[in-house]
PDB file of all heavy atoms in Angstrom:
ATOM      1  N   ALA A   1       0.845  -1.213  -0.020  1.00  0.00           N
ATOM      2  CA  ALA A   1       0.007   0.002  -0.006  1.00  0.00           C
ATOM      3  C   ALA A   1       0.860   1.245  -0.012  1.00  0.00           C
ATOM      4  O   ALA A   1       0.547   2.251  -0.676  1.00  0.00           O
ATOM      5  CB  ALA A   1      -0.922  -0.019   1.218  1.00  0.00           C
ATOM      6  N   ASP A   2       2.007   1.224   0.735  1.00  0.00           N
ATOM      7  CA  ASP A   2       2.941   2.343   0.677  1.00  0.00           C
ATOM      8  C   ASP A   2       3.466   2.532  -0.734  1.00  0.00           C
ATOM      9  O   ASP A   2       3.603   3.654  -1.228  1.00  0.00           O
ATOM     10  CB  ASP A   2       4.106   2.076   1.632  1.00  0.00           C
ATOM     11  CG  ASP A   2       3.732   2.090   3.095  1.00  0.00           C
ATOM     12  OD1 ASP A   2       2.740   2.770   3.455  1.00  0.00           O
ATOM     13  OD2 ASP A   2       4.422   1.408   3.891  1.00  0.00           O
ATOM     14  N   ALA A   3       3.770   1.404  -1.406  1.00  0.00           N
ATOM     15  CA  ALA A   3       4.257   1.509  -2.783  1.00  0.00           C
ATOM     16  C   ALA A   3       3.227   2.083  -3.743  1.00  0.00           C
ATOM     17  O   ALA A   3       3.573   2.855  -4.654  1.00  0.00           O
ATOM     18  CB  ALA A   3       4.698   0.137  -3.259  1.00  0.00           C
ATOM     19  N   MET A   4       1.980   1.770  -3.522  1.00  0.00           N
ATOM     20  CA  MET A   4       0.923   2.333  -4.369  1.00  0.00           C
ATOM     21  C   MET A   4       0.730   3.829  -4.063  1.00  0.00           C
ATOM     22  O   MET A   4       0.444   4.635  -4.973  1.00  0.00           O
ATOM     23  CB  MET A   4      -0.410   1.609  -4.181  1.00  0.00           C
ATOM     24  CG  MET A   4      -0.370   0.182  -4.756  1.00  0.00           C
ATOM     25  SD  MET A   4      -0.021   0.116  -6.551  1.00  0.00           S
ATOM     26  CE  MET A   4       1.776  -0.103  -6.564  1.00  0.00           C
ATOM     27  N   ASP A   5       0.938   4.257  -2.817  1.00  0.00           N
ATOM     28  CA  ASP A   5       0.939   5.682  -2.538  1.00  0.00           C
ATOM     29  C   ASP A   5       2.102   6.371  -3.215  1.00  0.00           C
ATOM     30  O   ASP A   5       1.967   7.507  -3.722  1.00  0.00           O
ATOM     31  CB  ASP A   5       1.031   5.913  -1.011  1.00  0.00           C
ATOM     32  CG  ASP A   5      -0.265   5.582  -0.294  1.00  0.00           C
ATOM     33  OD1 ASP A   5      -1.309   5.436  -0.948  1.00  0.00           O
ATOM     34  OD2 ASP A   5      -0.218   5.448   0.962  1.00  0.00           O
ATOM     35  N   ALA A   6       3.261   5.703  -3.260  1.00  0.00           N
ATOM     36  CA  ALA A   6       4.398   6.257  -3.999  1.00  0.00           C
ATOM     37  C   ALA A   6       4.089   6.377  -5.493  1.00  0.00           C
ATOM     38  O   ALA A   6       4.428   7.396  -6.154  1.00  0.00           O
ATOM     39  CB  ALA A   6       5.635   5.380  -3.789  1.00  0.00           C
ATOM     40  N   PHE A   7       3.437   5.358  -6.035  1.00  0.00           N
ATOM     41  CA  PHE A   7       3.054   5.391  -7.441  1.00  0.00           C
ATOM     42  C   PHE A   7       2.100   6.561  -7.732  1.00  0.00           C
ATOM     43  O   PHE A   7       2.249   7.283  -8.704  1.00  0.00           O
ATOM     44  CB  PHE A   7       2.402   4.063  -7.838  1.00  0.00           C
ATOM     45  CG  PHE A   7       2.006   3.972  -9.284  1.00  0.00           C
ATOM     46  CD1 PHE A   7       2.890   3.482 -10.242  1.00  0.00           C
ATOM     47  CD2 PHE A   7       0.754   4.394  -9.709  1.00  0.00           C
ATOM     48  CE1 PHE A   7       2.526   3.391 -11.558  1.00  0.00           C
ATOM     49  CE2 PHE A   7       0.394   4.316 -11.050  1.00  0.00           C
ATOM     50  CZ  PHE A   7       1.294   3.818 -11.982  1.00  0.00           C
ATOM     51  N   ALA A   8       1.128   6.742  -6.848  1.00  0.00           N
ATOM     52  CA  ALA A   8       0.165   7.848  -7.019  1.00  0.00           C
ATOM     53  C   ALA A   8       0.864   9.180  -6.960  1.00  0.00           C
ATOM     54  O   ALA A   8       0.584  10.093  -7.755  1.00  0.00           O
ATOM     55  CB  ALA A   8      -0.921   7.743  -5.939  1.00  0.00           C
ATOM     56  N   ALA A   9       1.818   9.336  -6.016  1.00  0.00           N
ATOM     57  CA  ALA A   9       2.538  10.584  -5.902  1.00  0.00           C
ATOM     58  C   ALA A   9       3.395  10.850  -7.147  1.00  0.00           C
ATOM     59  O   ALA A   9       3.442  11.992  -7.653  1.00  0.00           O
ATOM     60  CB  ALA A   9       3.421  10.580  -4.658  1.00  0.00           C
ATOM     61  N   ALA A  10       4.053   9.825  -7.654  1.00  0.00           N
ATOM     62  CA  ALA A  10       4.956   9.998  -8.806  1.00  0.00           C
ATOM     63  C   ALA A  10       4.148  10.340 -10.083  1.00  0.00           C
ATOM     64  O   ALA A  10       4.626  11.145 -10.906  1.00  0.00           O
ATOM     65  CB  ALA A  10       5.741   8.742  -9.023  1.00  0.00           C
ATOM     66  N   THR A  11       2.988   9.772 -10.236  1.00  0.00           N
ATOM     67  CA  THR A  11       2.221   9.947 -11.482  1.00  0.00           C
ATOM     68  C   THR A  11       1.239  11.093 -11.416  1.00  0.00           C
ATOM     69  O   THR A  11       0.590  11.402 -12.434  1.00  0.00           O
ATOM     70  CB  THR A  11       1.469   8.665 -11.856  1.00  0.00           C
ATOM     71  OG1 THR A  11       0.641   8.263 -10.733  1.00  0.00           O
ATOM     72  CG2 THR A  11       2.453   7.529 -12.152  1.00  0.00           C
ATOM     73  N   ALA A  12       1.113  11.756 -10.289  1.00  0.00           N
ATOM     74  CA  ALA A  12       0.246  12.952 -10.197  1.00  0.00           C
ATOM     75  C   ALA A  12       0.792  14.020 -11.131  1.00  0.00           C
ATOM     76  O   ALA A  12       2.017  14.168 -11.290  1.00  0.00           O
ATOM     77  CB  ALA A  12       0.148  13.435  -8.777  1.00  0.00           C
ATOM     78  N   LYS A  13      -0.097  14.771 -11.761  1.00  0.00           N
ATOM     79  CA  LYS A  13       0.333  15.822 -12.709  1.00  0.00           C
ATOM     80  C   LYS A  13       1.085  16.897 -11.935  1.00  0.00           C
ATOM     81  O   LYS A  13       0.610  17.324 -10.883  1.00  0.00           O
ATOM     82  CB  LYS A  13      -0.906  16.409 -13.382  1.00  0.00           C
ATOM     83  CG  LYS A  13      -0.618  17.325 -14.532  1.00  0.00           C
ATOM     84  CD  LYS A  13      -0.095  16.598 -15.770  1.00  0.00           C
ATOM     85  CE  LYS A  13       0.362  17.535 -16.829  1.00  0.00           C
ATOM     86  NZ  LYS A  13      -0.644  18.137 -17.660  1.00  0.00           N
ATOM     87  N   PRO A  14       2.265  17.373 -12.353  1.00  0.00           N
ATOM     88  CA  PRO A  14       2.892  17.122 -13.633  1.00  0.00           C
ATOM     89  C   PRO A  14       3.924  15.992 -13.640  1.00  0.00           C
ATOM     90  O   PRO A  14       4.596  15.783 -14.625  1.00  0.00           O
ATOM     91  CB  PRO A  14       3.597  18.450 -13.887  1.00  0.00           C
ATOM     92  CG  PRO A  14       4.012  18.929 -12.538  1.00  0.00           C
ATOM     93  CD  PRO A  14       2.901  18.496 -11.603  1.00  0.00           C
ATOM     94  N   GLY A  15       4.070  15.242 -12.551  1.00  0.00           N
ATOM     95  CA  GLY A  15       5.085  14.215 -12.388  1.00  0.00           C
ATOM     96  C   GLY A  15       5.966  14.559 -11.212  1.00  0.00           C
ATOM     97  O   GLY A  15       6.269  15.744 -10.963  1.00  0.00           O
ATOM     98  N   ALA A  16       6.383  13.542 -10.456  1.00  0.00           N
ATOM     99  CA  ALA A  16       7.098  13.801  -9.223  1.00  0.00           C
ATOM    100  C   ALA A  16       8.072  12.654  -8.921  1.00  0.00           C
ATOM    101  O   ALA A  16       7.956  11.567  -9.472  1.00  0.00           O
ATOM    102  CB  ALA A  16       6.136  14.015  -8.070  1.00  0.00           C
ATOM    103  N   ILE A  17       8.966  12.918  -7.977  1.00  0.00           N
ATOM    104  CA  ILE A  17       9.900  11.915  -7.499  1.00  0.00           C
ATOM    105  C   ILE A  17       9.405  11.404  -6.156  1.00  0.00           C
ATOM    106  O   ILE A  17       9.248  12.153  -5.193  1.00  0.00           O
ATOM    107  CB  ILE A  17      11.328  12.518  -7.302  1.00  0.00           C
ATOM    108  CG1 ILE A  17      11.756  13.273  -8.573  1.00  0.00           C
ATOM    109  CG2 ILE A  17      12.331  11.425  -6.936  1.00  0.00           C
ATOM    110  CD1 ILE A  17      11.789  12.446  -9.798  1.00  0.00           C
ATOM    111  N   ALA A  18       9.097  10.096  -6.098  1.00  0.00           N
ATOM    112  CA  ALA A  18       8.607   9.466  -4.888  1.00  0.00           C
ATOM    113  C   ALA A  18       9.659   8.475  -4.400  1.00  0.00           C
ATOM    114  O   ALA A  18      10.097   7.602  -5.153  1.00  0.00           O
ATOM    115  CB  ALA A  18       7.284   8.749  -5.170  1.00  0.00           C
ATOM    116  N   THR A  19      10.058   8.607  -3.168  1.00  0.00           N
ATOM    117  CA  THR A  19      11.102   7.756  -2.572  1.00  0.00           C
ATOM    118  C   THR A  19      10.544   6.991  -1.408  1.00  0.00           C
ATOM    119  O   THR A  19      10.105   7.589  -0.396  1.00  0.00           O
ATOM    120  CB  THR A  19      12.310   8.580  -2.153  1.00  0.00           C
ATOM    121  OG1 THR A  19      12.849   9.275  -3.321  1.00  0.00           O
ATOM    122  CG2 THR A  19      13.396   7.711  -1.541  1.00  0.00           C
ATOM    123  N   LEU A  20      10.540   5.660  -1.537  1.00  0.00           N
ATOM    124  CA  LEU A  20      10.019   4.774  -0.488  1.00  0.00           C
ATOM    125  C   LEU A  20      11.207   4.018   0.096  1.00  0.00           C
ATOM    126  O   LEU A  20      11.919   3.296  -0.616  1.00  0.00           O
ATOM    127  CB  LEU A  20       9.002   3.793  -1.081  1.00  0.00           C
ATOM    128  CG  LEU A  20       8.395   2.753  -0.131  1.00  0.00           C
ATOM    129  CD1 LEU A  20       7.722   3.422   1.066  1.00  0.00           C
ATOM    130  CD2 LEU A  20       7.419   1.854  -0.871  1.00  0.00           C
ATOM    131  N   ILE A  21      11.415   4.190   1.390  1.00  0.00           N
ATOM    132  CA  ILE A  21      12.532   3.583   2.076  1.00  0.00           C
ATOM    133  C   ILE A  21      12.110   2.234   2.620  1.00  0.00           C
ATOM    134  O   ILE A  21      11.046   2.111   3.245  1.00  0.00           O
ATOM    135  CB  ILE A  21      13.068   4.512   3.186  1.00  0.00           C
ATOM    136  CG1 ILE A  21      13.564   5.800   2.529  1.00  0.00           C
ATOM    137  CG2 ILE A  21      14.173   3.861   4.001  1.00  0.00           C
ATOM    138  CD1 ILE A  21      13.584   7.000   3.456  1.00  0.00           C
ATOM    139  N   ALA A  22      12.939   1.210   2.373  1.00  0.00           N
ATOM    140  CA  ALA A  22      12.555  -0.184   2.600  1.00  0.00           C
ATOM    141  C   ALA A  22      13.501  -0.846   3.608  1.00  0.00           C
ATOM    142  O   ALA A  22      14.527  -1.381   3.208  1.00  0.00           O
ATOM    143  CB  ALA A  22      12.547  -0.944   1.297  1.00  0.00           C
ATOM    144  N   PRO A  23      13.210  -0.796   4.918  1.00  0.00           N
ATOM    145  CA  PRO A  23      14.023  -1.542   5.873  1.00  0.00           C
ATOM    146  C   PRO A  23      14.063  -3.031   5.499  1.00  0.00           C
ATOM    147  O   PRO A  23      13.065  -3.604   5.043  1.00  0.00           O
ATOM    148  CB  PRO A  23      13.310  -1.317   7.196  1.00  0.00           C
ATOM    149  CG  PRO A  23      12.557  -0.022   7.001  1.00  0.00           C
ATOM    150  CD  PRO A  23      12.121  -0.036   5.573  1.00  0.00           C
ATOM    151  N   ALA A  24      15.215  -3.644   5.665  1.00  0.00           N
ATOM    152  CA  ALA A  24      15.419  -4.995   5.164  1.00  0.00           C
ATOM    153  C   ALA A  24      14.386  -5.975   5.721  1.00  0.00           C
ATOM    154  O   ALA A  24      13.853  -6.814   4.993  1.00  0.00           O
ATOM    155  CB  ALA A  24      16.846  -5.462   5.506  1.00  0.00           C
ATOM    156  N   ASP A  25      14.099  -5.872   7.044  1.00  0.00           N
ATOM    157  CA  ASP A  25      13.172  -6.855   7.618  1.00  0.00           C
ATOM    158  C   ASP A  25      11.732  -6.665   7.143  1.00  0.00           C
ATOM    159  O   ASP A  25      10.958  -7.601   7.047  1.00  0.00           O
ATOM    160  CB  ASP A  25      13.229  -6.830   9.152  1.00  0.00           C
ATOM    161  CG  ASP A  25      13.136  -5.450   9.764  1.00  0.00           C
ATOM    162  OD1 ASP A  25      13.197  -4.460   9.001  1.00  0.00           O
ATOM    163  OD2 ASP A  25      13.010  -5.344  10.995  1.00  0.00           O
ATOM    164  N   VAL A  26      11.347  -5.434   6.797  1.00  0.00           N
ATOM    165  CA  VAL A  26      10.006  -5.180   6.248  1.00  0.00           C
ATOM    166  C   VAL A  26       9.876  -5.863   4.893  1.00  0.00           C
ATOM    167  O   VAL A  26       8.793  -6.311   4.484  1.00  0.00           O
ATOM    168  CB  VAL A  26       9.721  -3.685   6.151  1.00  0.00           C
ATOM    169  CG1 VAL A  26       8.379  -3.395   5.478  1.00  0.00           C
ATOM    170  CG2 VAL A  26       9.764  -3.031   7.544  1.00  0.00           C
ATOM    171  N   GLY A  27      10.990  -5.999   4.181  1.00  0.00           N
ATOM    172  CA  GLY A  27      10.976  -6.677   2.899  1.00  0.00           C
ATOM    173  C   GLY A  27      11.019  -8.198   3.010  1.00  0.00           C
ATOM    174  O   GLY A  27      10.349  -8.902   2.280  1.00  0.00           O
ATOM    175  N   TRP A  28      11.829  -8.717   3.945  1.00  0.00           N
ATOM    176  CA  TRP A  28      12.002 -10.167   3.999  1.00  0.00           C
ATOM    177  C   TRP A  28      10.957 -10.875   4.852  1.00  0.00           C
ATOM    178  O   TRP A  28      10.720 -12.071   4.669  1.00  0.00           O
ATOM    179  CB  TRP A  28      13.426 -10.548   4.381  1.00  0.00           C
ATOM    180  CG  TRP A  28      13.822 -10.366   5.830  1.00  0.00           C
ATOM    181  CD1 TRP A  28      13.147 -10.810   6.944  1.00  0.00           C
ATOM    182  CD2 TRP A  28      15.014  -9.746   6.315  1.00  0.00           C
ATOM    183  NE1 TRP A  28      13.837 -10.491   8.107  1.00  0.00           N
ATOM    184  CE2 TRP A  28      14.996  -9.853   7.736  1.00  0.00           C
ATOM    185  CE3 TRP A  28      16.133  -9.127   5.722  1.00  0.00           C
ATOM    186  CZ2 TRP A  28      16.031  -9.336   8.527  1.00  0.00           C
ATOM    187  CZ3 TRP A  28      17.145  -8.625   6.524  1.00  0.00           C
ATOM    188  CH2 TRP A  28      17.093  -8.716   7.924  1.00  0.00           C
ATOM    189  N   ASP A  29      10.327 -10.174   5.803  1.00  0.00           N
ATOM    190  CA  ASP A  29       9.334 -10.820   6.669  1.00  0.00           C
ATOM    191  C   ASP A  29       8.075 -11.207   5.885  1.00  0.00           C
ATOM    192  O   ASP A  29       7.669 -10.497   4.968  1.00  0.00           O
ATOM    193  CB  ASP A  29       8.950  -9.917   7.845  1.00  0.00           C
ATOM    194  CG  ASP A  29       9.999  -9.907   8.955  1.00  0.00           C
ATOM    195  OD1 ASP A  29      10.919 -10.751   8.889  1.00  0.00           O
ATOM    196  OD2 ASP A  29       9.899  -9.042   9.847  1.00  0.00           O
TER     197      ASP A  29
END
């Protein structure tokens, strides 16, 4: 859901840089 919020922020007009920080355990758990 965080990644989809990043996608929405990046694709909002006129375009943006969205940075999602991914702690290792949040990815592997």
